[in-house]
Amino acid sequence: MPAERTNTRDIARAAVRAELGRVAFRLFLRNGFENVTIDDLAAAAGVSRSTFLRYFGTKEDAVLGGFEAKGERVAEALRARPADEDDWTALRHALDLAIPAYHEDPAAMLSMVRLIGSTPALAARQLEKQRAWRPAMVHALAERAGSPEHPAVAHWVRVSAALDCLTVAVDHWSDSDGRLDLVALLDEAFAAFPGSR
């Protein structure tokens, strides 16, 4: 029974966090990221400052809060790829997990990509969060190679290049106002590194 209570608490916490994130995002779009304070965010959400800060430690995290978990999910997808698949192909397919939000709500994702791109603090924080994906992904590749304790330099290079491919694909998707197919753009970016297999 305690596990069920914990699970219910986690679900409720995730729902509150998601709602606070939505409120913050709307306020940032309307007023500009730099013009909104934590107090403004708390007031708009109808919670105290301390409550808001329990869910998001910074304004940047209110926009990018779900970013860390995505890296671990991509690493899990990488571990689940067929054993006979080369690293580069496995990385490409694992990154499919980063795509659904762009298809589910393209307008919101376009707004988010543009907000991040036009706000230096957000762009820097996103880069930092995406860099944090690398160790889990590198270790997933090393596990596939049978050497989880000793990832090769090549694993780090491939993961870094794969994440750059994702960034370039999203940038091109945004520049096209969402008209170009993000999956095709990611395929094209990966195809630019034929020697990475």
N, C-alpha and C. Protein backbone atom coordinates (compact mmCIF):
# COMPACT_ATOMS: atom_id res chain seq x y z
N MET A 1 0.80 -1.21 0.00
CA MET A 1 0.00 0.00 0.00
C MET A 1 0.84 1.28 0.00
N PRO A 2 1.95 1.35 0.78
CA PRO A 2 2.77 2.56 0.75
C PRO A 2 3.27 2.88 -0.65
N ALA A 3 3.59 1.87 -1.46
CA ALA A 3 4.08 2.13 -2.82
C ALA A 3 3.01 2.83 -3.65
N GLU A 4 1.73 2.41 -3.45
CA GLU A 4 0.64 3.05 -4.19
C GLU A 4 0.50 4.51 -3.79
N ARG A 5 0.62 4.79 -2.48
CA ARG A 5 0.52 6.17 -2.02
C ARG A 5 1.64 7.01 -2.60
N THR A 6 2.85 6.45 -2.61
CA THR A 6 3.99 7.17 -3.18
C THR A 6 3.75 7.44 -4.66
N ASN A 7 3.24 6.45 -5.36
CA ASN A 7 2.98 6.61 -6.78
C ASN A 7 1.94 7.71 -7.01
N THR A 8 0.87 7.72 -6.22
CA THR A 8 -0.16 8.75 -6.35
C THR A 8 0.43 10.12 -6.06
N ARG A 9 1.29 10.20 -5.04
CA ARG A 9 1.95 11.46 -4.70
C ARG A 9 2.83 11.93 -5.86
N ASP A 10 3.57 11.00 -6.45
CA ASP A 10 4.44 11.35 -7.58
C ASP A 10 3.64 11.86 -8.77
N ILE A 11 2.50 11.20 -9.03
CA ILE A 11 1.64 11.62 -10.14
C ILE A 11 1.11 13.02 -9.89
N ALA A 12 0.66 13.26 -8.66
CA ALA A 12 0.13 14.59 -8.32
C ALA A 12 1.22 15.65 -8.44
N ARG A 13 2.42 15.31 -7.96
CA ARG A 13 3.54 16.27 -8.04
C ARG A 13 3.88 16.58 -9.50
N ALA A 14 3.88 15.55 -10.34
CA ALA A 14 4.19 15.76 -11.76
C ALA A 14 3.13 16.63 -12.42
N ALA A 15 1.86 16.45 -12.02
CA ALA A 15 0.78 17.25 -12.60
C ALA A 15 0.91 18.72 -12.19
N VAL A 16 1.24 18.96 -10.92
CA VAL A 16 1.43 20.34 -10.45
C VAL A 16 2.62 20.97 -11.16
N ARG A 17 3.70 20.21 -11.27
CA ARG A 17 4.90 20.72 -11.94
C ARG A 17 4.60 21.08 -13.39
N ALA A 18 3.85 20.22 -14.08
CA ALA A 18 3.50 20.49 -15.48
C ALA A 18 2.65 21.75 -15.60
N GLU A 19 1.70 21.92 -14.70
CA GLU A 19 0.85 23.11 -14.75
C GLU A 19 1.65 24.38 -14.46
N LEU A 20 2.52 24.33 -13.46
CA LEU A 20 3.37 25.49 -13.18
C LEU A 20 4.25 25.82 -14.38
N GLY A 21 4.76 24.79 -15.04
CA GLY A 21 5.58 25.00 -16.24
C GLY A 21 4.79 25.67 -17.35
N ARG A 22 3.52 25.23 -17.54
CA ARG A 22 2.67 25.85 -18.57
C ARG A 22 2.40 27.32 -18.27
N VAL A 23 2.09 27.62 -17.01
CA VAL A 23 1.84 29.01 -16.61
C VAL A 23 3.08 29.85 -16.87
N ALA A 24 4.24 29.35 -16.46
CA ALA A 24 5.49 30.08 -16.65
C ALA A 24 5.77 30.33 -18.12
N PHE A 25 5.57 29.30 -18.93
CA PHE A 25 5.86 29.43 -20.36
C PHE A 25 4.98 30.50 -21.00
N ARG A 26 3.69 30.50 -20.66
CA ARG A 26 2.78 31.52 -21.22
C ARG A 26 3.21 32.92 -20.80
N LEU A 27 3.62 33.06 -19.54
CA LEU A 27 4.05 34.38 -19.06
C LEU A 27 5.33 34.83 -19.74
N PHE A 28 6.26 33.90 -19.94
CA PHE A 28 7.51 34.24 -20.64
C PHE A 28 7.22 34.68 -22.07
N LEU A 29 6.32 33.97 -22.74
CA LEU A 29 5.99 34.33 -24.13
C LEU A 29 5.35 35.71 -24.19
N ARG A 30 4.48 36.00 -23.23
CA ARG A 30 3.75 37.26 -23.26
C ARG A 30 4.63 38.45 -22.87
N ASN A 31 5.45 38.27 -21.82
CA ASN A 31 6.18 39.41 -21.26
C ASN A 31 7.67 39.42 -21.56
N GLY A 32 8.20 38.30 -22.06
CA GLY A 32 9.63 38.19 -22.28
C GLY A 32 10.31 37.58 -21.07
N PHE A 33 11.21 36.65 -21.30
CA PHE A 33 11.84 35.90 -20.22
C PHE A 33 12.50 36.81 -19.19
N GLU A 34 13.26 37.79 -19.68
CA GLU A 34 14.03 38.66 -18.78
C GLU A 34 13.13 39.56 -17.94
N ASN A 35 11.90 39.79 -18.39
CA ASN A 35 11.00 40.71 -17.69
C ASN A 35 10.14 40.04 -16.63
N VAL A 36 10.28 38.72 -16.48
CA VAL A 36 9.45 37.97 -15.54
C VAL A 36 10.31 37.49 -14.37
N THR A 37 9.82 37.72 -13.16
CA THR A 37 10.54 37.29 -11.96
C THR A 37 9.90 36.01 -11.41
N ILE A 38 10.59 35.38 -10.48
CA ILE A 38 10.03 34.21 -9.79
C ILE A 38 8.74 34.61 -9.08
N ASP A 39 8.72 35.81 -8.48
CA ASP A 39 7.50 36.28 -7.80
C ASP A 39 6.35 36.42 -8.80
N ASP A 40 6.65 36.91 -10.01
CA ASP A 40 5.61 37.01 -11.05
C ASP A 40 5.07 35.63 -11.39
N LEU A 41 5.96 34.66 -11.51
CA LEU A 41 5.55 33.30 -11.87
C LEU A 41 4.67 32.70 -10.78
N ALA A 42 5.08 32.87 -9.53
CA ALA A 42 4.30 32.34 -8.41
C ALA A 42 2.92 32.98 -8.37
N ALA A 43 2.87 34.30 -8.54
CA ALA A 43 1.58 35.01 -8.50
C ALA A 43 0.67 34.54 -9.64
N ALA A 44 1.23 34.40 -10.83
CA ALA A 44 0.42 33.96 -11.98
C ALA A 44 -0.12 32.55 -11.78
N ALA A 45 0.64 31.72 -11.07
CA ALA A 45 0.22 30.34 -10.83
C ALA A 45 -0.65 30.21 -9.59
N GLY A 46 -0.75 31.29 -8.80
CA GLY A 46 -1.56 31.24 -7.59
C GLY A 46 -0.94 30.44 -6.46
N VAL A 47 0.41 30.44 -6.41
CA VAL A 47 1.12 29.73 -5.35
C VAL A 47 2.13 30.68 -4.72
N SER A 48 2.68 30.27 -3.60
CA SER A 48 3.71 31.08 -2.96
C SER A 48 5.04 30.93 -3.71
N ARG A 49 5.92 31.87 -3.48
CA ARG A 49 7.26 31.81 -4.08
C ARG A 49 7.95 30.51 -3.67
N SER A 50 7.86 30.16 -2.38
CA SER A 50 8.54 28.96 -1.90
C SER A 50 7.96 27.70 -2.54
N THR A 51 6.66 27.69 -2.77
CA THR A 51 6.05 26.54 -3.44
C THR A 51 6.58 26.43 -4.86
N PHE A 52 6.61 27.55 -5.57
CA PHE A 52 7.13 27.53 -6.94
C PHE A 52 8.56 27.01 -6.96
N LEU A 53 9.37 27.48 -6.02
CA LEU A 53 10.78 27.09 -5.99
C LEU A 53 10.97 25.63 -5.58
N ARG A 54 9.98 25.03 -4.95
CA ARG A 54 10.06 23.59 -4.65
C ARG A 54 10.00 22.77 -5.93
N TYR A 55 9.30 23.29 -6.93
CA TYR A 55 9.15 22.57 -8.20
C TYR A 55 10.20 22.97 -9.22
N PHE A 56 10.59 24.23 -9.21
CA PHE A 56 11.59 24.73 -10.16
C PHE A 56 12.56 25.63 -9.41
N GLY A 57 13.83 25.27 -9.42
CA GLY A 57 14.82 26.05 -8.71
C GLY A 57 15.18 27.36 -9.38
N THR A 58 14.94 27.44 -10.70
CA THR A 58 15.27 28.65 -11.45
C THR A 58 14.19 28.89 -12.50
N LYS A 59 14.20 30.10 -13.05
CA LYS A 59 13.28 30.40 -14.15
C LYS A 59 13.59 29.51 -15.35
N GLU A 60 14.86 29.28 -15.60
CA GLU A 60 15.26 28.44 -16.74
C GLU A 60 14.67 27.04 -16.61
N ASP A 61 14.67 26.52 -15.40
CA ASP A 61 14.14 25.16 -15.20
C ASP A 61 12.64 25.10 -15.43
N ALA A 62 11.95 26.22 -15.26
CA ALA A 62 10.51 26.24 -15.52
C ALA A 62 10.23 26.01 -17.00
N VAL A 63 11.17 26.39 -17.87
CA VAL A 63 11.02 26.15 -19.30
C VAL A 63 11.59 24.79 -19.68
N LEU A 64 12.70 24.43 -19.08
CA LEU A 64 13.46 23.24 -19.51
C LEU A 64 13.37 22.08 -18.52
N GLY A 65 12.36 22.11 -17.67
CA GLY A 65 12.26 21.14 -16.59
C GLY A 65 12.24 19.68 -17.01
N GLY A 66 11.65 19.38 -18.15
CA GLY A 66 11.55 17.99 -18.56
C GLY A 66 12.75 17.48 -19.34
N PHE A 67 13.75 18.33 -19.50
CA PHE A 67 14.86 18.01 -20.39
C PHE A 67 15.77 16.91 -19.86
N GLU A 68 16.02 16.92 -18.52
CA GLU A 68 16.97 15.92 -17.98
C GLU A 68 16.46 14.50 -18.17
N ALA A 69 15.18 14.29 -17.84
CA ALA A 69 14.60 12.94 -17.90
C ALA A 69 14.68 12.36 -19.30
N LYS A 70 14.60 13.22 -20.30
CA LYS A 70 14.65 12.75 -21.68
C LYS A 70 15.97 12.06 -21.99
N GLY A 71 17.06 12.56 -21.45
CA GLY A 71 18.37 11.97 -21.69
C GLY A 71 18.45 10.54 -21.19
N GLU A 72 17.89 10.29 -20.01
CA GLU A 72 17.91 8.93 -19.46
C GLU A 72 17.02 8.00 -20.30
N ARG A 73 15.90 8.53 -20.79
CA ARG A 73 15.02 7.71 -21.64
C ARG A 73 15.70 7.37 -22.96
N VAL A 74 16.45 8.32 -23.51
CA VAL A 74 17.19 8.05 -24.75
C VAL A 74 18.25 6.98 -24.49
N ALA A 75 18.92 7.07 -23.34
CA ALA A 75 19.93 6.06 -23.00
C ALA A 75 19.30 4.67 -22.87
N GLU A 76 18.13 4.61 -22.25
CA GLU A 76 17.42 3.32 -22.13
C GLU A 76 17.05 2.77 -23.51
N ALA A 77 16.59 3.66 -24.39
CA ALA A 77 16.25 3.24 -25.75
C ALA A 77 17.49 2.72 -26.48
N LEU A 78 18.62 3.33 -26.21
CA LEU A 78 19.88 2.92 -26.81
C LEU A 78 20.26 1.50 -26.36
N ARG A 79 20.08 1.24 -25.07
CA ARG A 79 20.36 -0.10 -24.54
C ARG A 79 19.43 -1.15 -25.15
N ALA A 80 18.23 -0.74 -25.52
CA ALA A 80 17.23 -1.68 -26.03
C ALA A 80 17.37 -1.95 -27.54
N ARG A 81 18.24 -1.22 -28.22
CA ARG A 81 18.41 -1.42 -29.66
C ARG A 81 19.04 -2.80 -29.92
N PRO A 82 18.78 -3.37 -31.10
CA PRO A 82 19.34 -4.70 -31.41
C PRO A 82 20.86 -4.73 -31.26
N ALA A 83 21.37 -5.81 -30.71
CA ALA A 83 22.80 -5.93 -30.42
C ALA A 83 23.66 -5.85 -31.68
N ASP A 84 23.12 -6.28 -32.82
CA ASP A 84 23.94 -6.27 -34.04
C ASP A 84 23.87 -4.94 -34.79
N GLU A 85 23.19 -3.97 -34.23
CA GLU A 85 23.07 -2.66 -34.88
C GLU A 85 24.32 -1.83 -34.56
N ASP A 86 24.85 -1.13 -35.55
CA ASP A 86 26.03 -0.31 -35.29
C ASP A 86 25.64 0.89 -34.41
N ASP A 87 26.63 1.47 -33.75
CA ASP A 87 26.38 2.55 -32.80
C ASP A 87 25.63 3.73 -33.42
N TRP A 88 26.04 4.13 -34.60
CA TRP A 88 25.46 5.32 -35.22
C TRP A 88 23.98 5.11 -35.53
N THR A 89 23.63 3.94 -36.04
CA THR A 89 22.24 3.62 -36.33
C THR A 89 21.44 3.54 -35.03
N ALA A 90 22.03 2.92 -34.00
CA ALA A 90 21.36 2.81 -32.70
C ALA A 90 21.10 4.20 -32.11
N LEU A 91 22.08 5.09 -32.22
CA LEU A 91 21.91 6.45 -31.72
C LEU A 91 20.79 7.17 -32.47
N ARG A 92 20.78 7.00 -33.79
CA ARG A 92 19.74 7.67 -34.56
C ARG A 92 18.35 7.22 -34.12
N HIS A 93 18.16 5.91 -33.95
CA HIS A 93 16.84 5.42 -33.56
C HIS A 93 16.49 5.77 -32.11
N ALA A 94 17.47 5.77 -31.24
CA ALA A 94 17.22 6.13 -29.84
C ALA A 94 16.73 7.58 -29.73
N LEU A 95 17.25 8.45 -30.59
CA LEU A 95 16.84 9.85 -30.55
C LEU A 95 15.42 10.09 -31.04
N ASP A 96 14.79 9.04 -31.58
CA ASP A 96 13.37 9.17 -31.93
C ASP A 96 12.54 9.57 -30.71
N LEU A 97 13.03 9.22 -29.51
CA LEU A 97 12.31 9.57 -28.28
C LEU A 97 12.26 11.08 -28.05
N ALA A 98 13.15 11.83 -28.68
CA ALA A 98 13.16 13.28 -28.51
C ALA A 98 12.19 13.98 -29.45
N ILE A 99 11.57 13.24 -30.37
CA ILE A 99 10.77 13.85 -31.44
C ILE A 99 9.29 14.03 -31.13
N PRO A 100 8.61 13.14 -30.41
CA PRO A 100 7.15 13.19 -30.31
C PRO A 100 6.55 14.55 -29.94
N ALA A 101 7.15 15.27 -29.01
CA ALA A 101 6.57 16.56 -28.59
C ALA A 101 6.45 17.53 -29.77
N TYR A 102 7.38 17.44 -30.72
CA TYR A 102 7.35 18.33 -31.87
C TYR A 102 6.18 18.00 -32.80
N HIS A 103 5.75 16.74 -32.81
CA HIS A 103 4.61 16.33 -33.62
C HIS A 103 3.29 16.57 -32.89
N GLU A 104 3.30 16.38 -31.56
CA GLU A 104 2.08 16.50 -30.78
C GLU A 104 1.58 17.93 -30.71
N ASP A 105 2.49 18.88 -30.52
CA ASP A 105 2.08 20.29 -30.42
C ASP A 105 3.14 21.17 -31.09
N PRO A 106 3.14 21.16 -32.44
CA PRO A 106 4.18 21.90 -33.16
C PRO A 106 4.22 23.38 -32.83
N ALA A 107 3.04 24.01 -32.66
CA ALA A 107 3.01 25.45 -32.39
C ALA A 107 3.69 25.76 -31.06
N ALA A 108 3.39 24.98 -30.04
CA ALA A 108 4.01 25.21 -28.73
C ALA A 108 5.52 24.96 -28.80
N MET A 109 5.91 23.91 -29.52
CA MET A 109 7.34 23.61 -29.62
C MET A 109 8.09 24.67 -30.41
N LEU A 110 7.46 25.20 -31.47
CA LEU A 110 8.08 26.31 -32.20
C LEU A 110 8.29 27.50 -31.28
N SER A 111 7.27 27.82 -30.49
CA SER A 111 7.38 28.94 -29.55
C SER A 111 8.50 28.69 -28.56
N MET A 112 8.59 27.45 -28.08
CA MET A 112 9.63 27.13 -27.10
C MET A 112 11.02 27.23 -27.72
N VAL A 113 11.20 26.64 -28.90
CA VAL A 113 12.51 26.68 -29.56
C VAL A 113 12.93 28.13 -29.79
N ARG A 114 11.98 28.96 -30.19
CA ARG A 114 12.30 30.37 -30.46
C ARG A 114 12.58 31.13 -29.18
N LEU A 115 11.83 30.84 -28.14
CA LEU A 115 12.09 31.50 -26.85
C LEU A 115 13.49 31.14 -26.37
N ILE A 116 13.85 29.86 -26.45
CA ILE A 116 15.18 29.42 -26.01
C ILE A 116 16.26 30.08 -26.88
N GLY A 117 16.04 30.07 -28.19
CA GLY A 117 17.04 30.62 -29.10
C GLY A 117 17.26 32.12 -28.94
N SER A 118 16.22 32.83 -28.49
CA SER A 118 16.33 34.28 -28.36
C SER A 118 16.70 34.73 -26.95
N THR A 119 16.90 33.78 -26.05
CA THR A 119 17.20 34.10 -24.66
C THR A 119 18.52 33.44 -24.26
N PRO A 120 19.60 34.21 -24.19
CA PRO A 120 20.92 33.62 -23.91
C PRO A 120 20.94 32.73 -22.67
N ALA A 121 20.27 33.13 -21.59
CA ALA A 121 20.28 32.32 -20.36
C ALA A 121 19.63 30.97 -20.60
N LEU A 122 18.55 30.94 -21.37
CA LEU A 122 17.88 29.68 -21.68
C LEU A 122 18.70 28.82 -22.62
N ALA A 123 19.30 29.46 -23.62
CA ALA A 123 20.12 28.70 -24.58
C ALA A 123 21.30 28.04 -23.86
N ALA A 124 21.93 28.77 -22.95
CA ALA A 124 23.06 28.22 -22.20
C ALA A 124 22.60 27.07 -21.30
N ARG A 125 21.46 27.25 -20.65
CA ARG A 125 20.95 26.21 -19.75
C ARG A 125 20.54 24.97 -20.53
N GLN A 126 19.94 25.16 -21.71
CA GLN A 126 19.57 24.00 -22.52
C GLN A 126 20.81 23.23 -22.95
N LEU A 127 21.84 23.94 -23.36
CA LEU A 127 23.09 23.29 -23.76
C LEU A 127 23.68 22.49 -22.59
N GLU A 128 23.64 23.09 -21.41
CA GLU A 128 24.15 22.42 -20.22
C GLU A 128 23.34 21.15 -19.93
N LYS A 129 22.03 21.24 -20.04
CA LYS A 129 21.18 20.07 -19.78
C LYS A 129 21.40 18.98 -20.83
N GLN A 130 21.55 19.40 -22.09
CA GLN A 130 21.77 18.39 -23.13
C GLN A 130 23.14 17.73 -22.96
N ARG A 131 24.13 18.50 -22.53
CA ARG A 131 25.44 17.90 -22.25
C ARG A 131 25.33 16.85 -21.15
N ALA A 132 24.39 17.06 -20.24
CA ALA A 132 24.21 16.11 -19.14
C ALA A 132 23.63 14.78 -19.61
N TRP A 133 23.09 14.74 -20.84
CA TRP A 133 22.62 13.47 -21.41
C TRP A 133 23.79 12.55 -21.76
N ARG A 134 24.94 13.16 -22.05
CA ARG A 134 26.03 12.40 -22.66
C ARG A 134 26.53 11.22 -21.84
N PRO A 135 26.80 11.38 -20.53
CA PRO A 135 27.35 10.22 -19.79
C PRO A 135 26.46 8.98 -19.85
N ALA A 136 25.15 9.16 -19.66
CA ALA A 136 24.25 8.00 -19.70
C ALA A 136 24.24 7.36 -21.08
N MET A 137 24.24 8.19 -22.12
CA MET A 137 24.23 7.67 -23.49
C MET A 137 25.55 6.98 -23.81
N VAL A 138 26.66 7.57 -23.37
CA VAL A 138 27.98 6.97 -23.61
C VAL A 138 28.07 5.62 -22.92
N HIS A 139 27.60 5.54 -21.68
CA HIS A 139 27.65 4.27 -20.96
C HIS A 139 26.73 3.23 -21.59
N ALA A 140 25.62 3.69 -22.16
CA ALA A 140 24.74 2.75 -22.87
C ALA A 140 25.46 2.16 -24.08
N LEU A 141 26.19 3.00 -24.82
CA LEU A 141 26.97 2.49 -25.97
C LEU A 141 28.06 1.53 -25.49
N ALA A 142 28.72 1.89 -24.38
CA ALA A 142 29.79 1.03 -23.85
C ALA A 142 29.22 -0.32 -23.41
N GLU A 143 28.03 -0.31 -22.82
CA GLU A 143 27.39 -1.57 -22.43
C GLU A 143 27.13 -2.43 -23.66
N ARG A 144 26.67 -1.79 -24.72
CA ARG A 144 26.40 -2.53 -25.96
C ARG A 144 27.69 -3.17 -26.49
N ALA A 145 28.82 -2.48 -26.25
CA ALA A 145 30.12 -3.00 -26.72
C ALA A 145 30.74 -3.98 -25.73
N GLY A 146 30.08 -4.19 -24.59
CA GLY A 146 30.59 -5.12 -23.59
C GLY A 146 31.65 -4.56 -22.67
N SER A 147 31.80 -3.21 -22.65
CA SER A 147 32.80 -2.61 -21.77
C SER A 147 32.20 -1.42 -21.02
N PRO A 148 31.19 -1.66 -20.17
CA PRO A 148 30.49 -0.56 -19.52
C PRO A 148 31.37 0.31 -18.62
N GLU A 149 32.45 -0.27 -18.06
CA GLU A 149 33.32 0.52 -17.17
C GLU A 149 34.34 1.36 -17.94
N HIS A 150 34.53 1.04 -19.22
CA HIS A 150 35.57 1.75 -19.98
C HIS A 150 35.05 2.23 -21.33
N PRO A 151 34.18 3.27 -21.32
CA PRO A 151 33.72 3.79 -22.61
C PRO A 151 34.91 4.30 -23.43
N ALA A 152 34.87 4.03 -24.72
CA ALA A 152 35.93 4.48 -25.61
C ALA A 152 35.72 5.94 -25.99
N VAL A 153 36.81 6.58 -26.39
CA VAL A 153 36.71 7.96 -26.89
C VAL A 153 35.69 8.01 -28.02
N ALA A 154 35.68 6.98 -28.86
CA ALA A 154 34.73 6.94 -29.99
C ALA A 154 33.29 7.01 -29.51
N HIS A 155 32.99 6.42 -28.36
CA HIS A 155 31.62 6.50 -27.82
C HIS A 155 31.25 7.95 -27.50
N TRP A 156 32.19 8.66 -26.87
CA TRP A 156 31.93 10.06 -26.52
C TRP A 156 31.75 10.90 -27.78
N VAL A 157 32.58 10.65 -28.78
CA VAL A 157 32.51 11.42 -30.02
C VAL A 157 31.18 11.16 -30.73
N ARG A 158 30.77 9.90 -30.81
CA ARG A 158 29.52 9.56 -31.49
C ARG A 158 28.31 10.18 -30.79
N VAL A 159 28.29 10.09 -29.46
CA VAL A 159 27.17 10.67 -28.72
C VAL A 159 27.13 12.19 -28.91
N SER A 160 28.29 12.83 -28.82
CA SER A 160 28.34 14.28 -29.00
C SER A 160 27.87 14.68 -30.39
N ALA A 161 28.33 13.95 -31.41
CA ALA A 161 27.92 14.24 -32.78
C ALA A 161 26.43 14.00 -32.97
N ALA A 162 25.90 12.94 -32.35
CA ALA A 162 24.47 12.63 -32.47
C ALA A 162 23.62 13.74 -31.87
N LEU A 163 24.04 14.25 -30.71
CA LEU A 163 23.28 15.33 -30.07
C LEU A 163 23.38 16.62 -30.88
N ASP A 164 24.53 16.85 -31.50
CA ASP A 164 24.64 18.01 -32.40
C ASP A 164 23.73 17.86 -33.61
N CYS A 165 23.61 16.64 -34.12
CA CYS A 165 22.69 16.39 -35.24
C CYS A 165 21.26 16.74 -34.84
N LEU A 166 20.87 16.37 -33.63
CA LEU A 166 19.54 16.70 -33.15
C LEU A 166 19.35 18.21 -33.07
N THR A 167 20.34 18.91 -32.55
CA THR A 167 20.25 20.36 -32.44
C THR A 167 20.11 21.02 -33.80
N VAL A 168 20.93 20.58 -34.76
CA VAL A 168 20.87 21.14 -36.11
C VAL A 168 19.52 20.86 -36.76
N ALA A 169 19.00 19.64 -36.58
CA ALA A 169 17.70 19.29 -37.16
C ALA A 169 16.60 20.16 -36.57
N VAL A 170 16.60 20.35 -35.25
CA VAL A 170 15.57 21.18 -34.61
C VAL A 170 15.70 22.63 -35.07
N ASP A 171 16.91 23.13 -35.21
CA ASP A 171 17.11 24.50 -35.69
C ASP A 171 16.54 24.67 -37.10
N HIS A 172 16.79 23.71 -37.98
CA HIS A 172 16.27 23.80 -39.35
C HIS A 172 14.74 23.68 -39.36
N TRP A 173 14.22 22.82 -38.51
CA TRP A 173 12.77 22.68 -38.39
C TRP A 173 12.15 24.00 -37.95
N SER A 174 12.76 24.64 -36.96
CA SER A 174 12.26 25.93 -36.47
C SER A 174 12.37 27.00 -37.55
N ASP A 175 13.50 27.04 -38.27
CA ASP A 175 13.69 28.03 -39.34
C ASP A 175 12.66 27.88 -40.45
N SER A 176 12.13 26.65 -40.61
CA SER A 176 11.12 26.42 -41.66
C SER A 176 9.70 26.66 -41.14
N ASP A 177 9.58 27.22 -39.91
CA ASP A 177 8.27 27.40 -39.26
C ASP A 177 7.55 26.08 -39.07
N GLY A 178 8.33 25.02 -38.88
CA GLY A 178 7.74 23.71 -38.63
C GLY A 178 7.22 23.01 -39.87
N ARG A 179 7.49 23.57 -41.04
CA ARG A 179 6.97 22.95 -42.27
C ARG A 179 7.78 21.72 -42.69
N LEU A 180 9.09 21.74 -42.42
CA LEU A 180 9.92 20.60 -42.78
C LEU A 180 9.70 19.47 -41.78
N ASP A 181 9.89 18.25 -42.24
CA ASP A 181 9.70 17.08 -41.38
C ASP A 181 10.93 16.89 -40.51
N LEU A 182 10.73 16.92 -39.19
CA LEU A 182 11.86 16.84 -38.26
C LEU A 182 12.57 15.49 -38.34
N VAL A 183 11.82 14.43 -38.55
CA VAL A 183 12.43 13.10 -38.66
C VAL A 183 13.35 13.06 -39.88
N ALA A 184 12.87 13.59 -41.01
CA ALA A 184 13.69 13.62 -42.23
C ALA A 184 14.93 14.49 -42.02
N LEU A 185 14.78 15.61 -41.31
CA LEU A 185 15.93 16.48 -41.03
C LEU A 185 16.96 15.76 -40.16
N LEU A 186 16.48 15.00 -39.18
CA LEU A 186 17.41 14.26 -38.32
C LEU A 186 18.11 13.17 -39.11
N ASP A 187 17.37 12.49 -39.98
CA ASP A 187 17.99 11.49 -40.86
C ASP A 187 19.07 12.13 -41.73
N GLU A 188 18.76 13.30 -42.28
CA GLU A 188 19.70 14.01 -43.15
C GLU A 188 20.97 14.40 -42.38
N ALA A 189 20.77 14.88 -41.15
CA ALA A 189 21.92 15.28 -40.32
C ALA A 189 22.80 14.07 -40.03
N PHE A 190 22.19 12.94 -39.68
CA PHE A 190 22.97 11.74 -39.39
C PHE A 190 23.68 11.23 -40.65
N ALA A 191 23.04 11.38 -41.79
CA ALA A 191 23.64 10.90 -43.03
C ALA A 191 24.88 11.71 -43.43
N ALA A 192 25.03 12.89 -42.83
CA ALA A 192 26.20 13.72 -43.14
C ALA A 192 27.47 13.17 -42.51
N PHE A 193 27.35 12.11 -41.67
CA PHE A 193 28.51 11.51 -41.01
C PHE A 193 28.63 10.04 -41.39
N PRO A 194 28.83 9.73 -42.68
CA PRO A 194 28.89 8.33 -43.08
C PRO A 194 30.05 7.56 -42.45
N GLY A 195 31.10 8.26 -42.07
CA GLY A 195 32.26 7.58 -41.48
C GLY A 195 32.10 7.30 -40.00
N SER A 196 30.95 7.66 -39.43
CA SER A 196 30.78 7.49 -37.98
C SER A 196 30.28 6.12 -37.58
N ARG A 197 30.03 5.25 -38.53
CA ARG A 197 29.49 3.92 -38.23
C ARG A 197 30.53 3.09 -37.50
